[in-house]
Each structure stands twice: as structure tokens, then as C-alpha cells.
C-alpha atoms as a PDB file:
ATOM      1  CA  UNK A   1      17.655   4.596 -24.028  1.00  0.00           C
ATOM      2  CA  UNK A   2      14.350   3.534 -22.741  1.00  0.00           C
ATOM      3  CA  UNK A   3      11.977   1.551 -24.865  1.00  0.00           C
ATOM      4  CA  UNK A   4       9.110   3.810 -26.020  1.00  0.00           C
ATOM      5  CA  UNK A   5       6.472   1.414 -24.463  1.00  0.00           C
ATOM      6  CA  UNK A   6       8.064   1.523 -20.926  1.00  0.00           C
ATOM      7  CA  UNK A   7       7.380   3.771 -18.075  1.00  0.00           C
ATOM      8  CA  UNK A   8       9.188   3.666 -14.775  1.00  0.00           C
ATOM      9  CA  UNK A   9       6.455   5.042 -12.557  1.00  0.00           C
ATOM     10  CA  UNK A  10       2.721   5.508 -12.361  1.00  0.00           C
ATOM     11  CA  UNK A  11       2.457   9.238 -12.147  1.00  0.00           C
ATOM     12  CA  UNK A  12      -1.105   9.540 -10.361  1.00  0.00           C
ATOM     13  CA  UNK A  13      -0.240   6.993  -7.735  1.00  0.00           C
ATOM     14  CA  UNK A  14       0.903   8.974  -4.616  1.00  0.00           C
ATOM     15  CA  UNK A  15       3.553   6.751  -2.951  1.00  0.00           C
ATOM     16  CA  UNK A  16       6.165   4.443  -4.239  1.00  0.00           C
ATOM     17  CA  UNK A  17       4.301   1.556  -2.231  1.00  0.00           C
ATOM     18  CA  UNK A  18       1.049   2.305  -4.002  1.00  0.00           C
ATOM     19  CA  UNK A  19       2.747   2.263  -7.300  1.00  0.00           C
ATOM     20  CA  UNK A  20       4.504  -1.049  -6.431  1.00  0.00           C
ATOM     21  CA  UNK A  21       0.988  -2.598  -5.342  1.00  0.00           C
ATOM     22  CA  UNK A  22      -0.640  -1.739  -8.694  1.00  0.00           C
ATOM     23  CA  UNK A  23       2.242  -3.084 -10.854  1.00  0.00           C
ATOM     24  CA  UNK A  24       2.348  -6.386  -8.578  1.00  0.00           C
ATOM     25  CA  UNK A  25      -1.382  -6.753  -8.655  1.00  0.00           C
ATOM     26  CA  UNK A  26      -1.402  -6.539 -12.392  1.00  0.00           C
ATOM     27  CA  UNK A  27       1.698  -8.793 -12.975  1.00  0.00           C
ATOM     28  CA  UNK A  28       0.101 -11.482 -10.841  1.00  0.00           C
ATOM     29  CA  UNK A  29      -3.174 -11.647 -12.790  1.00  0.00           C
ATOM     30  CA  UNK A  30      -3.530 -14.636 -15.333  1.00  0.00           C
ATOM     31  CA  UNK A  31      -3.562 -13.429 -18.757  1.00  0.00           C
ATOM     32  CA  UNK A  32      -7.081 -12.880 -19.841  1.00  0.00           C
ATOM     33  CA  UNK A  33      -9.146 -14.926 -22.263  1.00  0.00           C
ATOM     34  CA  UNK A  34     -10.446 -11.645 -23.510  1.00  0.00           C
ATOM     35  CA  UNK A  35      -7.119 -10.646 -24.729  1.00  0.00           C
ATOM     36  CA  UNK A  36      -7.218  -7.838 -27.426  1.00  0.00           C
ATOM     37  CA  UNK A  37      -5.194  -7.603 -30.541  1.00  0.00           C
ATOM     38  CA  UNK A  38      -4.688  -4.319 -32.090  1.00  0.00           C
ATOM     39  CA  UNK A  39      -2.573  -3.283 -35.120  1.00  0.00           C
ATOM     40  CA  UNK A  40      -1.366  -0.040 -33.715  1.00  0.00           C
ATOM     41  CA  UNK A  41       1.633  -0.060 -31.164  1.00  0.00           C
ATOM     42  CA  UNK A  42       0.574   0.429 -27.470  1.00  0.00           C
ATOM     43  CA  UNK A  43       2.730   3.162 -26.163  1.00  0.00           C
ATOM     44  CA  UNK A  44       3.013   5.065 -22.727  1.00  0.00           C
ATOM     45  CA  UNK A  45       0.941   8.165 -23.053  1.00  0.00           C
ATOM     46  CA  UNK A  46      -1.453   7.324 -25.833  1.00  0.00           C
ATOM     47  CA  UNK A  47      -5.144   6.093 -25.094  1.00  0.00           C
ATOM     48  CA  UNK A  48      -6.448   2.708 -25.437  1.00  0.00           C
ATOM     49  CA  UNK A  49      -9.190   2.167 -28.040  1.00  0.00           C
ATOM     50  CA  UNK A  50     -12.689   2.056 -26.433  1.00  0.00           C
ATOM     51  CA  UNK A  51     -13.312  -1.437 -27.828  1.00  0.00           C
ATOM     52  CA  UNK A  52     -10.627  -2.957 -25.464  1.00  0.00           C
ATOM     53  CA  UNK A  53     -12.106  -4.667 -22.452  1.00  0.00           C
ATOM     54  CA  UNK A  54     -10.782  -3.415 -19.191  1.00  0.00           C
ATOM     55  CA  UNK A  55     -10.480  -4.766 -15.588  1.00  0.00           C
ATOM     56  CA  UNK A  56     -10.354  -2.322 -12.646  1.00  0.00           C
ATOM     57  CA  UNK A  57      -7.391  -2.592 -10.161  1.00  0.00           C
ATOM     58  CA  UNK A  58      -9.094  -3.217  -6.639  1.00  0.00           C
ATOM     59  CA  UNK A  59      -8.181  -0.881  -3.974  1.00  0.00           C
ATOM     60  CA  UNK A  60      -7.154   1.675  -6.571  1.00  0.00           C
ATOM     61  CA  UNK A  61      -9.855   2.611  -8.851  1.00  0.00           C
ATOM     62  CA  UNK A  62      -7.588   5.433 -10.683  1.00  0.00           C
ATOM     63  CA  UNK A  63      -6.211   2.561 -12.483  1.00  0.00           C
ATOM     64  CA  UNK A  64      -7.264  -0.383 -14.690  1.00  0.00           C
ATOM     65  CA  UNK A  65      -5.535  -2.981 -16.700  1.00  0.00           C
ATOM     66  CA  UNK A  66      -5.996  -4.972 -20.021  1.00  0.00           C
ATOM     67  CA  UNK A  67      -4.244  -7.570 -22.078  1.00  0.00           C
ATOM     68  CA  UNK A  68      -3.314  -6.239 -25.442  1.00  0.00           C
ATOM     69  CA  UNK A  69      -1.118  -7.883 -27.914  1.00  0.00           C
ATOM     70  CA  UNK A  70      -0.025 -10.542 -25.260  1.00  0.00           C
ATOM     71  CA  UNK A  71       1.010  -7.716 -22.855  1.00  0.00           C
ATOM     72  CA  UNK A  72      -0.486  -6.459 -19.715  1.00  0.00           C
ATOM     73  CA  UNK A  73      -1.184  -2.781 -19.990  1.00  0.00           C
ATOM     74  CA  UNK A  74      -1.879  -0.360 -16.954  1.00  0.00           C
ATOM     75  CA  UNK A  75      -3.773   2.783 -17.645  1.00  0.00           C
ATOM     76  CA  UNK A  76      -5.863   5.572 -15.954  1.00  0.00           C
ATOM     77  CA  UNK A  77      -9.416   4.558 -15.711  1.00  0.00           C
ATOM     78  CA  UNK A  78     -10.976   7.749 -16.659  1.00  0.00           C
ATOM     79  CA  UNK A  79      -9.040   8.845 -19.679  1.00  0.00           C
ATOM     80  CA  UNK A  80      -7.709   5.178 -20.850  1.00  0.00           C
ATOM     81  CA  UNK A  81      -4.130   6.745 -21.050  1.00  0.00           C
ATOM     82  CA  UNK A  82      -1.450   3.998 -20.936  1.00  0.00           C
ATOM     83  CA  UNK A  83       0.890   4.752 -17.907  1.00  0.00           C
ATOM     84  CA  UNK A  84       2.930   1.639 -17.743  1.00  0.00           C
ATOM     85  CA  UNK A  85       3.483  -1.626 -19.593  1.00  0.00           C
ATOM     86  CA  UNK A  86       5.229  -3.899 -16.957  1.00  0.00           C
ATOM     87  CA  UNK A  87       7.587  -6.596 -18.143  1.00  0.00           C
END
């Protein structure tokens, strides 16, 4: 059974190559000094709170990421809906 916080793909990225580029980019970034800590569990499909500082993904403005509870979180920029929590 999959962990509820994990997703295997980024649904809006058109190709597997673009999805890998987004995930790889986010995984390679250092953990931010503006890390957010929230009480609620961060779950794929749920929107991030507006108070969390976000960083756009260069070359793919559809996505942004943030560091929340010591984890990188990828989400859709417009909706803030979490699409992946990379390992």
C-alpha cells in the first residue's frame, strides 16, 4: 500500500521527462532557511496553507515547491494543491 503522502507522478506535466526534471530540480535544492512547520499532515491532493513561503520551479511555472516539516513538497502554483512529496 502506498503512503498517503506520496504520489508517483505529476499529473499536469506532459511528459515523463518533464516530470523527472521537476522532481530532480526540487530534490537538488538545499533545504530552505524559510522552512515551514505546520500541525496538519501534508497530503497529496490537499492545498498548502497560504502562509507557506513558496519557490517557483524554473522552466516550469506550473509548479512550485516549499519545504514543510523538513520535507520538500511540490505543488501546482495556481491552486497550491500538493502533487508530490519526493523522497
